[in-house]
Amino acid sequence: MEDFQSLVGRLLVAMPGIGDPRFEHAVILICAHGRDHAMGLRLDRPAPGVDLKKVLSTLNTEAPDDSADRAVLVGGPVERERGFVLHTADWTAEDASLAFGDGLAMTGTREALAAMVDPGKGPSRSVLLLGYAGWGEGQLEDELGENVWLTADAADRDLIFDAEYETKWTRALATLGVDPALLSGQAGRA
């Protein structure tokens, strides 16, 4: 049996011609990855017509005016009504946060939403995502073998948390030294 290599804390960067419009130019942070599953959050697609203030108001949570300037992202096509706060691990909720990678965490509670807008007590950086990307046993490994994704280090906090969504794919490729103009939508094996 071949050795398993977890991709937790790494980025998946979609190759051109991925064949699934839900993932064109996607940059996905892998939050959990075991032999039988993988789970990630897409970092580059704002949810149309939704901002943090609207979500907080809907949940009867205090929403500072500047929260209207913070986009909510489409984390993936699975459970799109479920929210996840991706944040730095300088704030976590006991028994609710999943710490992973190098100083990152994910929490799916109202407490995390309130912490997002509390500059004194919350995480230094955070973003709310609706839904996630998920893979069953062997599915992600098969896609990697078919050259559907490139993997990259996720050390750049700006790439993860900034609001420059339209450039995240190109910037993620640049961390690998890849020029997107030189990528082909055709997959192959040598």
N, C-alpha and C. Protein backbone atom coordinates (compact mmCIF):
# COMPACT_ATOMS: atom_id res chain seq x y z
N MET A 1 0.85 -1.18 0.00
CA MET A 1 0.00 0.00 0.00
C MET A 1 0.89 1.24 0.00
N GLU A 2 0.57 2.19 -0.82
CA GLU A 2 1.41 3.38 -0.95
C GLU A 2 1.23 4.30 0.25
N ASP A 3 2.31 5.03 0.56
CA ASP A 3 2.28 5.93 1.71
C ASP A 3 1.31 7.08 1.47
N PHE A 4 0.58 7.41 2.51
CA PHE A 4 -0.38 8.51 2.44
C PHE A 4 0.33 9.80 2.82
N GLN A 5 0.09 10.85 2.05
CA GLN A 5 0.64 12.16 2.35
C GLN A 5 -0.50 13.16 2.48
N SER A 6 -0.72 13.63 3.69
CA SER A 6 -1.80 14.58 3.95
C SER A 6 -1.48 15.94 3.34
N LEU A 7 -2.50 16.58 2.84
CA LEU A 7 -2.36 17.92 2.26
C LEU A 7 -2.91 19.00 3.18
N VAL A 8 -3.17 18.68 4.44
CA VAL A 8 -3.72 19.66 5.38
C VAL A 8 -2.80 20.88 5.43
N GLY A 9 -3.44 22.06 5.31
CA GLY A 9 -2.69 23.31 5.37
C GLY A 9 -2.07 23.71 4.05
N ARG A 10 -2.33 22.96 2.99
CA ARG A 10 -1.79 23.30 1.67
C ARG A 10 -2.92 23.81 0.77
N LEU A 11 -2.53 24.43 -0.31
CA LEU A 11 -3.49 24.95 -1.28
C LEU A 11 -3.61 24.00 -2.46
N LEU A 12 -4.82 23.86 -2.96
CA LEU A 12 -5.05 23.24 -4.26
C LEU A 12 -5.30 24.38 -5.24
N VAL A 13 -4.60 24.35 -6.35
CA VAL A 13 -4.74 25.38 -7.38
C VAL A 13 -5.23 24.68 -8.64
N ALA A 14 -6.41 25.05 -9.11
CA ALA A 14 -7.03 24.37 -10.25
C ALA A 14 -6.22 24.60 -11.53
N MET A 15 -6.06 23.53 -12.28
CA MET A 15 -5.44 23.62 -13.59
C MET A 15 -6.48 24.12 -14.60
N PRO A 16 -6.03 24.80 -15.65
CA PRO A 16 -6.97 25.19 -16.70
C PRO A 16 -7.64 23.94 -17.28
N GLY A 17 -8.88 24.07 -17.67
CA GLY A 17 -9.59 22.94 -18.26
C GLY A 17 -9.96 21.88 -17.24
N ILE A 18 -10.18 22.29 -16.00
CA ILE A 18 -10.50 21.34 -14.92
C ILE A 18 -11.75 20.53 -15.24
N GLY A 19 -12.62 21.06 -16.08
CA GLY A 19 -13.80 20.32 -16.50
C GLY A 19 -14.99 20.45 -15.58
N ASP A 20 -14.88 21.27 -14.56
CA ASP A 20 -15.98 21.50 -13.63
C ASP A 20 -16.06 23.00 -13.40
N PRO A 21 -17.09 23.67 -13.94
CA PRO A 21 -17.16 25.13 -13.82
C PRO A 21 -17.18 25.63 -12.38
N ARG A 22 -17.57 24.79 -11.44
CA ARG A 22 -17.57 25.20 -10.03
C ARG A 22 -16.15 25.42 -9.50
N PHE A 23 -15.16 24.91 -10.22
CA PHE A 23 -13.78 25.00 -9.74
C PHE A 23 -12.82 25.68 -10.71
N GLU A 24 -13.35 26.33 -11.74
CA GLU A 24 -12.47 27.07 -12.66
C GLU A 24 -11.70 28.13 -11.88
N HIS A 25 -10.39 28.15 -12.04
CA HIS A 25 -9.49 29.11 -11.38
C HIS A 25 -9.62 29.10 -9.85
N ALA A 26 -9.97 27.96 -9.30
CA ALA A 26 -10.16 27.85 -7.85
C ALA A 26 -8.83 27.77 -7.11
N VAL A 27 -8.84 28.37 -5.93
CA VAL A 27 -7.76 28.22 -4.95
C VAL A 27 -8.44 27.72 -3.68
N ILE A 28 -8.10 26.50 -3.27
CA ILE A 28 -8.76 25.85 -2.14
C ILE A 28 -7.74 25.52 -1.07
N LEU A 29 -8.05 25.92 0.16
CA LEU A 29 -7.21 25.60 1.31
C LEU A 29 -7.72 24.29 1.91
N ILE A 30 -6.83 23.29 2.01
CA ILE A 30 -7.22 22.00 2.58
C ILE A 30 -7.18 22.09 4.10
N CYS A 31 -8.33 21.86 4.72
CA CYS A 31 -8.48 21.96 6.17
C CYS A 31 -8.42 20.60 6.86
N ALA A 32 -8.82 19.56 6.16
CA ALA A 32 -8.80 18.20 6.70
C ALA A 32 -8.52 17.25 5.55
N HIS A 33 -7.68 16.23 5.81
CA HIS A 33 -7.36 15.27 4.77
C HIS A 33 -6.88 13.99 5.44
N GLY A 34 -7.64 12.94 5.24
CA GLY A 34 -7.28 11.62 5.74
C GLY A 34 -7.37 10.62 4.59
N ARG A 35 -7.12 9.38 4.88
CA ARG A 35 -7.18 8.35 3.82
C ARG A 35 -8.58 8.23 3.22
N ASP A 36 -9.62 8.54 4.01
CA ASP A 36 -10.98 8.32 3.53
C ASP A 36 -11.76 9.60 3.20
N HIS A 37 -11.11 10.77 3.31
CA HIS A 37 -11.84 12.01 3.03
C HIS A 37 -10.86 13.18 2.87
N ALA A 38 -11.37 14.25 2.31
CA ALA A 38 -10.65 15.54 2.29
C ALA A 38 -11.70 16.63 2.30
N MET A 39 -11.34 17.75 2.93
CA MET A 39 -12.26 18.89 3.03
C MET A 39 -11.46 20.17 2.87
N GLY A 40 -11.96 21.08 2.05
CA GLY A 40 -11.27 22.34 1.84
C GLY A 40 -12.24 23.49 1.66
N LEU A 41 -11.69 24.70 1.71
CA LEU A 41 -12.47 25.93 1.56
C LEU A 41 -11.90 26.74 0.41
N ARG A 42 -12.77 27.14 -0.51
CA ARG A 42 -12.36 27.94 -1.65
C ARG A 42 -12.16 29.39 -1.20
N LEU A 43 -11.05 29.99 -1.60
CA LEU A 43 -10.66 31.30 -1.09
C LEU A 43 -10.89 32.45 -2.05
N ASP A 44 -11.44 32.20 -3.22
CA ASP A 44 -11.43 33.22 -4.26
C ASP A 44 -12.78 33.56 -4.89
N ARG A 45 -13.87 33.11 -4.31
CA ARG A 45 -15.17 33.37 -4.94
C ARG A 45 -16.15 34.00 -3.95
N PRO A 46 -16.36 35.33 -4.03
CA PRO A 46 -17.36 35.97 -3.16
C PRO A 46 -18.77 35.48 -3.51
N ALA A 47 -19.59 35.32 -2.49
CA ALA A 47 -20.99 34.94 -2.69
C ALA A 47 -21.74 36.17 -3.20
N PRO A 48 -22.42 36.06 -4.33
CA PRO A 48 -23.12 37.22 -4.89
C PRO A 48 -24.19 37.76 -3.94
N GLY A 49 -24.16 39.07 -3.71
CA GLY A 49 -25.19 39.74 -2.93
C GLY A 49 -25.16 39.47 -1.43
N VAL A 50 -24.08 38.88 -0.93
CA VAL A 50 -24.00 38.56 0.49
C VAL A 50 -22.75 39.23 1.06
N ASP A 51 -22.91 39.87 2.21
CA ASP A 51 -21.75 40.39 2.93
C ASP A 51 -21.89 39.99 4.39
N LEU A 52 -20.84 40.21 5.15
CA LEU A 52 -20.82 39.79 6.54
C LEU A 52 -21.91 40.47 7.37
N LYS A 53 -22.18 41.74 7.10
CA LYS A 53 -23.21 42.47 7.85
C LYS A 53 -24.59 41.81 7.64
N LYS A 54 -24.91 41.42 6.40
CA LYS A 54 -26.20 40.77 6.13
C LYS A 54 -26.33 39.46 6.89
N VAL A 55 -25.25 38.67 6.89
CA VAL A 55 -25.30 37.39 7.58
C VAL A 55 -25.47 37.60 9.08
N LEU A 56 -24.68 38.50 9.66
CA LEU A 56 -24.79 38.76 11.10
C LEU A 56 -26.17 39.29 11.47
N SER A 57 -26.72 40.19 10.66
CA SER A 57 -28.06 40.73 10.93
C SER A 57 -29.11 39.63 10.88
N THR A 58 -29.00 38.73 9.91
CA THR A 58 -29.93 37.62 9.79
C THR A 58 -29.91 36.74 11.02
N LEU A 59 -28.74 36.62 11.64
CA LEU A 59 -28.58 35.78 12.83
C LEU A 59 -28.77 36.55 14.13
N ASN A 60 -29.29 37.79 14.01
CA ASN A 60 -29.50 38.65 15.18
C ASN A 60 -28.23 38.82 16.02
N THR A 61 -27.11 38.98 15.31
CA THR A 61 -25.82 39.22 15.93
C THR A 61 -25.40 40.63 15.60
N GLU A 62 -24.85 41.33 16.57
CA GLU A 62 -24.43 42.70 16.35
C GLU A 62 -23.50 42.77 15.14
N ALA A 63 -23.81 43.70 14.24
CA ALA A 63 -23.07 43.82 12.99
C ALA A 63 -22.53 45.24 12.83
N PRO A 64 -21.26 45.46 13.11
CA PRO A 64 -20.69 46.79 12.92
C PRO A 64 -20.83 47.23 11.46
N ASP A 65 -20.92 48.55 11.25
CA ASP A 65 -21.11 49.07 9.89
C ASP A 65 -20.04 48.59 8.92
N ASP A 66 -18.78 48.50 9.37
CA ASP A 66 -17.71 48.11 8.45
C ASP A 66 -17.80 46.64 8.02
N SER A 67 -18.66 45.85 8.68
CA SER A 67 -18.82 44.46 8.26
C SER A 67 -19.52 44.35 6.91
N ALA A 68 -20.17 45.44 6.47
CA ALA A 68 -20.79 45.43 5.14
C ALA A 68 -19.73 45.42 4.04
N ASP A 69 -18.49 45.79 4.39
CA ASP A 69 -17.40 45.80 3.42
C ASP A 69 -16.69 44.46 3.32
N ARG A 70 -17.09 43.52 4.14
CA ARG A 70 -16.41 42.21 4.16
C ARG A 70 -17.26 41.18 3.41
N ALA A 71 -16.69 40.64 2.37
CA ALA A 71 -17.38 39.64 1.55
C ALA A 71 -17.52 38.33 2.32
N VAL A 72 -18.53 37.59 1.96
CA VAL A 72 -18.70 36.21 2.38
C VAL A 72 -18.36 35.38 1.15
N LEU A 73 -17.58 34.34 1.33
CA LEU A 73 -17.13 33.55 0.19
C LEU A 73 -17.94 32.27 0.03
N VAL A 74 -17.97 31.77 -1.20
CA VAL A 74 -18.52 30.46 -1.48
C VAL A 74 -17.38 29.48 -1.22
N GLY A 75 -17.46 28.76 -0.12
CA GLY A 75 -16.39 27.84 0.26
C GLY A 75 -16.35 26.58 -0.57
N GLY A 76 -17.46 26.26 -1.20
CA GLY A 76 -17.55 25.07 -2.04
C GLY A 76 -18.99 24.67 -2.25
N PRO A 77 -19.21 23.64 -3.07
CA PRO A 77 -20.57 23.27 -3.44
C PRO A 77 -21.31 22.38 -2.44
N VAL A 78 -20.64 21.92 -1.39
CA VAL A 78 -21.26 21.02 -0.42
C VAL A 78 -21.80 21.83 0.76
N GLU A 79 -23.02 21.56 1.16
CA GLU A 79 -23.67 22.22 2.31
C GLU A 79 -23.52 23.73 2.26
N ARG A 80 -23.97 24.34 1.19
CA ARG A 80 -23.78 25.78 0.97
C ARG A 80 -24.52 26.66 1.97
N GLU A 81 -25.44 26.09 2.72
CA GLU A 81 -26.14 26.89 3.73
C GLU A 81 -25.38 26.89 5.06
N ARG A 82 -24.33 26.09 5.15
CA ARG A 82 -23.54 25.98 6.38
C ARG A 82 -22.36 26.93 6.33
N GLY A 83 -22.16 27.68 7.42
CA GLY A 83 -21.08 28.66 7.47
C GLY A 83 -19.87 28.15 8.22
N PHE A 84 -18.70 28.55 7.73
CA PHE A 84 -17.43 28.23 8.36
C PHE A 84 -16.62 29.52 8.46
N VAL A 85 -16.07 29.78 9.62
CA VAL A 85 -15.16 30.91 9.78
C VAL A 85 -13.75 30.34 9.69
N LEU A 86 -13.03 30.78 8.69
CA LEU A 86 -11.61 30.46 8.55
C LEU A 86 -10.86 31.61 9.21
N HIS A 87 -9.95 31.29 10.12
CA HIS A 87 -9.30 32.37 10.87
C HIS A 87 -7.91 31.96 11.33
N THR A 88 -7.18 32.97 11.80
CA THR A 88 -5.89 32.70 12.41
C THR A 88 -6.13 32.05 13.77
N ALA A 89 -5.17 31.23 14.19
CA ALA A 89 -5.34 30.46 15.42
C ALA A 89 -5.00 31.25 16.68
N ASP A 90 -4.89 32.58 16.58
CA ASP A 90 -4.70 33.39 17.77
C ASP A 90 -6.01 33.51 18.56
N TRP A 91 -7.10 33.03 17.98
CA TRP A 91 -8.39 32.90 18.67
C TRP A 91 -8.96 31.54 18.30
N THR A 92 -9.42 30.78 19.27
CA THR A 92 -10.12 29.53 18.99
C THR A 92 -11.23 29.35 20.02
N ALA A 93 -12.21 28.56 19.65
CA ALA A 93 -13.30 28.20 20.56
C ALA A 93 -13.07 26.78 21.03
N GLU A 94 -12.97 26.60 22.33
CA GLU A 94 -12.70 25.27 22.88
C GLU A 94 -13.75 24.28 22.40
N ASP A 95 -13.31 23.14 21.95
CA ASP A 95 -14.16 22.04 21.47
C ASP A 95 -14.94 22.37 20.20
N ALA A 96 -14.67 23.52 19.57
CA ALA A 96 -15.40 23.86 18.35
C ALA A 96 -14.47 24.21 17.19
N SER A 97 -13.24 24.60 17.47
CA SER A 97 -12.31 25.00 16.42
C SER A 97 -11.43 23.83 16.00
N LEU A 98 -11.17 23.76 14.72
CA LEU A 98 -10.23 22.79 14.17
C LEU A 98 -8.98 23.58 13.79
N ALA A 99 -7.92 23.41 14.57
CA ALA A 99 -6.65 24.06 14.24
C ALA A 99 -5.93 23.18 13.23
N PHE A 100 -5.28 23.80 12.25
CA PHE A 100 -4.58 23.04 11.22
C PHE A 100 -3.51 23.92 10.58
N GLY A 101 -2.66 23.28 9.82
CA GLY A 101 -1.63 24.03 9.10
C GLY A 101 -0.75 24.80 10.06
N ASP A 102 -0.25 25.91 9.58
CA ASP A 102 0.65 26.75 10.36
C ASP A 102 -0.11 27.97 10.89
N GLY A 103 -0.75 27.80 12.05
CA GLY A 103 -1.43 28.92 12.69
C GLY A 103 -2.79 29.26 12.14
N LEU A 104 -3.48 28.29 11.54
CA LEU A 104 -4.82 28.51 11.01
C LEU A 104 -5.83 27.68 11.79
N ALA A 105 -7.08 28.09 11.72
CA ALA A 105 -8.16 27.33 12.35
C ALA A 105 -9.46 27.58 11.59
N MET A 106 -10.40 26.69 11.81
CA MET A 106 -11.73 26.79 11.21
C MET A 106 -12.74 26.51 12.32
N THR A 107 -13.76 27.35 12.39
CA THR A 107 -14.79 27.20 13.41
C THR A 107 -16.15 27.44 12.76
N GLY A 108 -17.13 26.64 13.11
CA GLY A 108 -18.46 26.76 12.52
C GLY A 108 -19.53 27.11 13.54
N THR A 109 -19.27 28.12 14.38
CA THR A 109 -20.24 28.48 15.42
C THR A 109 -20.57 29.98 15.36
N ARG A 110 -21.69 30.33 16.01
CA ARG A 110 -22.05 31.76 16.13
C ARG A 110 -21.01 32.52 16.93
N GLU A 111 -20.41 31.84 17.89
CA GLU A 111 -19.35 32.46 18.69
C GLU A 111 -18.21 32.94 17.77
N ALA A 112 -17.89 32.16 16.77
CA ALA A 112 -16.83 32.54 15.82
C ALA A 112 -17.26 33.75 14.99
N LEU A 113 -18.53 33.80 14.61
CA LEU A 113 -19.02 34.96 13.86
C LEU A 113 -18.91 36.23 14.69
N ALA A 114 -19.30 36.15 15.94
CA ALA A 114 -19.19 37.32 16.82
C ALA A 114 -17.73 37.71 17.02
N ALA A 115 -16.86 36.73 17.13
CA ALA A 115 -15.43 37.02 17.32
C ALA A 115 -14.82 37.69 16.11
N MET A 116 -15.33 37.38 14.92
CA MET A 116 -14.81 37.98 13.68
C MET A 116 -14.86 39.50 13.72
N VAL A 117 -15.87 40.04 14.35
CA VAL A 117 -16.09 41.49 14.34
C VAL A 117 -15.73 42.14 15.68
N ASP A 118 -15.01 41.40 16.51
CA ASP A 118 -14.56 41.93 17.79
C ASP A 118 -13.04 42.09 17.75
N PRO A 119 -12.57 43.29 17.37
CA PRO A 119 -11.13 43.48 17.19
C PRO A 119 -10.32 43.26 18.46
N GLY A 120 -10.92 43.39 19.61
CA GLY A 120 -10.20 43.20 20.86
C GLY A 120 -10.05 41.76 21.29
N LYS A 121 -11.00 40.91 20.90
CA LYS A 121 -11.01 39.54 21.39
C LYS A 121 -10.95 38.48 20.29
N GLY A 122 -11.28 38.86 19.06
CA GLY A 122 -11.36 37.88 17.99
C GLY A 122 -10.03 37.60 17.32
N PRO A 123 -10.06 36.78 16.29
CA PRO A 123 -8.82 36.46 15.56
C PRO A 123 -8.31 37.69 14.80
N SER A 124 -7.01 37.72 14.57
CA SER A 124 -6.44 38.86 13.86
C SER A 124 -6.89 38.90 12.40
N ARG A 125 -7.14 37.73 11.80
CA ARG A 125 -7.64 37.68 10.42
C ARG A 125 -8.68 36.59 10.33
N SER A 126 -9.72 36.86 9.54
CA SER A 126 -10.79 35.87 9.41
C SER A 126 -11.63 36.15 8.18
N VAL A 127 -12.34 35.13 7.73
CA VAL A 127 -13.28 35.25 6.63
C VAL A 127 -14.38 34.21 6.83
N LEU A 128 -15.60 34.56 6.46
CA LEU A 128 -16.73 33.64 6.54
C LEU A 128 -16.95 33.02 5.16
N LEU A 129 -17.13 31.71 5.16
CA LEU A 129 -17.37 30.97 3.92
C LEU A 129 -18.64 30.14 4.08
N LEU A 130 -19.40 30.03 3.01
CA LEU A 130 -20.60 29.20 2.99
C LEU A 130 -20.32 27.97 2.15
N GLY A 131 -20.48 26.81 2.74
CA GLY A 131 -20.22 25.56 2.05
C GLY A 131 -18.75 25.20 2.08
N TYR A 132 -18.47 24.02 1.51
CA TYR A 132 -17.08 23.55 1.45
C TYR A 132 -16.92 22.63 0.25
N ALA A 133 -15.68 22.34 -0.07
CA ALA A 133 -15.36 21.36 -1.10
C ALA A 133 -15.00 20.06 -0.38
N GLY A 134 -15.56 18.96 -0.82
CA GLY A 134 -15.31 17.68 -0.16
C GLY A 134 -14.99 16.59 -1.16
N TRP A 135 -14.18 15.65 -0.72
CA TRP A 135 -13.78 14.51 -1.54
C TRP A 135 -13.91 13.25 -0.71
N GLY A 136 -14.37 12.17 -1.33
CA GLY A 136 -14.45 10.88 -0.66
C GLY A 136 -13.14 10.13 -0.77
N GLU A 137 -13.14 8.92 -0.29
CA GLU A 137 -11.92 8.10 -0.25
C GLU A 137 -11.27 7.99 -1.63
N GLY A 138 -10.03 8.42 -1.71
CA GLY A 138 -9.25 8.30 -2.94
C GLY A 138 -9.58 9.30 -4.03
N GLN A 139 -10.67 10.05 -3.88
CA GLN A 139 -11.12 10.95 -4.94
C GLN A 139 -10.12 12.07 -5.20
N LEU A 140 -9.64 12.73 -4.16
CA LEU A 140 -8.68 13.81 -4.35
C LEU A 140 -7.37 13.27 -4.91
N GLU A 141 -6.93 12.14 -4.41
CA GLU A 141 -5.69 11.54 -4.92
C GLU A 141 -5.82 11.20 -6.40
N ASP A 142 -7.00 10.71 -6.81
CA ASP A 142 -7.23 10.44 -8.24
C ASP A 142 -7.15 11.72 -9.05
N GLU A 143 -7.77 12.80 -8.56
CA GLU A 143 -7.73 14.07 -9.27
C GLU A 143 -6.31 14.61 -9.36
N LEU A 144 -5.53 14.45 -8.31
CA LEU A 144 -4.13 14.88 -8.35
C LEU A 144 -3.35 14.07 -9.39
N GLY A 145 -3.63 12.77 -9.45
CA GLY A 145 -2.98 11.90 -10.43
C GLY A 145 -3.37 12.24 -11.86
N GLU A 146 -4.53 12.83 -12.04
CA GLU A 146 -5.00 13.24 -13.36
C GLU A 146 -4.59 14.67 -13.69
N ASN A 147 -3.75 15.26 -12.85
CA ASN A 147 -3.24 16.63 -13.05
C ASN A 147 -4.34 17.68 -13.09
N VAL A 148 -5.38 17.49 -12.28
CA VAL A 148 -6.47 18.45 -12.17
C VAL A 148 -6.07 19.61 -11.27
N TRP A 149 -5.21 19.31 -10.28
CA TRP A 149 -4.79 20.30 -9.29
C TRP A 149 -3.27 20.36 -9.18
N LEU A 150 -2.77 21.54 -8.89
CA LEU A 150 -1.41 21.72 -8.41
C LEU A 150 -1.51 21.96 -6.91
N THR A 151 -0.49 21.60 -6.16
CA THR A 151 -0.49 21.89 -4.74
C THR A 151 0.58 22.93 -4.43
N ALA A 152 0.25 23.82 -3.51
CA ALA A 152 1.15 24.92 -3.15
C ALA A 152 1.16 25.10 -1.64
N ASP A 153 2.22 25.70 -1.14
CA ASP A 153 2.32 26.05 0.26
C ASP A 153 1.31 27.15 0.57
N ALA A 154 0.76 27.15 1.77
CA ALA A 154 -0.24 28.16 2.15
C ALA A 154 0.31 29.14 3.17
N ALA A 155 1.60 29.45 3.09
CA ALA A 155 2.23 30.31 4.09
C ALA A 155 1.83 31.78 3.97
N ASP A 156 1.41 32.21 2.80
CA ASP A 156 1.10 33.62 2.56
C ASP A 156 -0.29 33.96 3.11
N ARG A 157 -0.34 34.62 4.25
CA ARG A 157 -1.62 34.98 4.88
C ARG A 157 -2.43 35.94 4.01
N ASP A 158 -1.77 36.82 3.27
CA ASP A 158 -2.52 37.72 2.39
C ASP A 158 -3.27 36.93 1.34
N LEU A 159 -2.63 35.93 0.76
CA LEU A 159 -3.29 35.10 -0.25
C LEU A 159 -4.53 34.44 0.34
N ILE A 160 -4.45 34.03 1.59
CA ILE A 160 -5.58 33.36 2.23
C ILE A 160 -6.68 34.35 2.60
N PHE A 161 -6.32 35.50 3.17
CA PHE A 161 -7.33 36.37 3.78
C PHE A 161 -7.63 37.67 3.05
N ASP A 162 -6.83 38.09 2.10
CA ASP A 162 -7.11 39.41 1.51
C ASP A 162 -8.31 39.36 0.57
N ALA A 163 -8.76 40.53 0.16
CA ALA A 163 -9.96 40.65 -0.66
C ALA A 163 -9.64 40.80 -2.15
N GLU A 164 -8.44 40.46 -2.56
CA GLU A 164 -8.05 40.52 -3.97
C GLU A 164 -8.41 39.18 -4.63
N TYR A 165 -9.70 38.89 -4.68
CA TYR A 165 -10.18 37.58 -5.11
C TYR A 165 -9.83 37.26 -6.56
N GLU A 166 -9.91 38.27 -7.43
CA GLU A 166 -9.69 38.02 -8.85
C GLU A 166 -8.24 37.68 -9.18
N THR A 167 -7.30 37.92 -8.26
CA THR A 167 -5.89 37.61 -8.54
C THR A 167 -5.36 36.42 -7.73
N LYS A 168 -6.17 35.81 -6.91
CA LYS A 168 -5.67 34.73 -6.04
C LYS A 168 -5.13 33.55 -6.84
N TRP A 169 -5.79 33.17 -7.89
CA TRP A 169 -5.35 32.02 -8.70
C TRP A 169 -3.98 32.31 -9.29
N THR A 170 -3.82 33.47 -9.89
CA THR A 170 -2.54 33.85 -10.50
C THR A 170 -1.45 33.95 -9.44
N ARG A 171 -1.78 34.53 -8.29
CA ARG A 171 -0.79 34.65 -7.21
C ARG A 171 -0.41 33.29 -6.64
N ALA A 172 -1.39 32.38 -6.51
CA ALA A 172 -1.08 31.04 -6.02
C ALA A 172 -0.15 30.32 -7.00
N LEU A 173 -0.40 30.46 -8.28
CA LEU A 173 0.49 29.87 -9.28
C LEU A 173 1.89 30.47 -9.20
N ALA A 174 1.95 31.78 -8.96
CA ALA A 174 3.25 32.46 -8.87
C ALA A 174 4.09 31.92 -7.71
N THR A 175 3.44 31.48 -6.62
CA THR A 175 4.21 30.91 -5.51
C THR A 175 4.91 29.63 -5.93
N LEU A 176 4.43 29.01 -7.00
CA LEU A 176 5.04 27.80 -7.54
C LEU A 176 6.00 28.10 -8.69
N GLY A 177 6.10 29.40 -9.05
CA GLY A 177 6.93 29.77 -10.18
C GLY A 177 6.29 29.45 -11.52
N VAL A 178 4.95 29.37 -11.53
CA VAL A 178 4.21 28.99 -12.74
C VAL A 178 3.56 30.22 -13.36
N ASP A 179 3.77 30.40 -14.65
CA ASP A 179 3.12 31.46 -15.42
C ASP A 179 1.84 30.88 -16.00
N PRO A 180 0.67 31.43 -15.62
CA PRO A 180 -0.60 30.85 -16.10
C PRO A 180 -0.71 30.84 -17.63
N ALA A 181 -0.03 31.74 -18.30
CA ALA A 181 -0.09 31.78 -19.77
C ALA A 181 0.56 30.55 -20.39
N LEU A 182 1.41 29.88 -19.62
CA LEU A 182 2.11 28.70 -20.16
C LEU A 182 1.42 27.39 -19.82
N LEU A 183 0.30 27.45 -19.07
CA LEU A 183 -0.42 26.24 -18.70
C LEU A 183 -1.38 25.83 -19.82
N SER A 184 -1.50 24.54 -19.99
CA SER A 184 -2.41 24.00 -20.99
C SER A 184 -3.62 23.39 -20.30
N GLY A 185 -4.75 23.45 -20.97
CA GLY A 185 -5.96 22.81 -20.46
C GLY A 185 -5.97 21.31 -20.76
N GLN A 186 -4.96 20.80 -21.43
CA GLN A 186 -4.87 19.38 -21.76
C GLN A 186 -4.07 18.65 -20.70
N ALA A 187 -4.60 17.59 -20.17
CA ALA A 187 -3.88 16.77 -19.19
C ALA A 187 -3.15 15.66 -19.93
N GLY A 188 -2.09 15.19 -19.34
CA GLY A 188 -1.35 14.10 -19.94
C GLY A 188 -0.37 13.53 -18.95
N ARG A 189 0.24 12.41 -19.36
CA ARG A 189 1.26 11.76 -18.53
C ARG A 189 2.43 11.40 -19.40
N ALA A 190 3.60 11.53 -18.83
CA ALA A 190 4.81 11.19 -19.60
C ALA A 190 5.21 9.75 -19.31
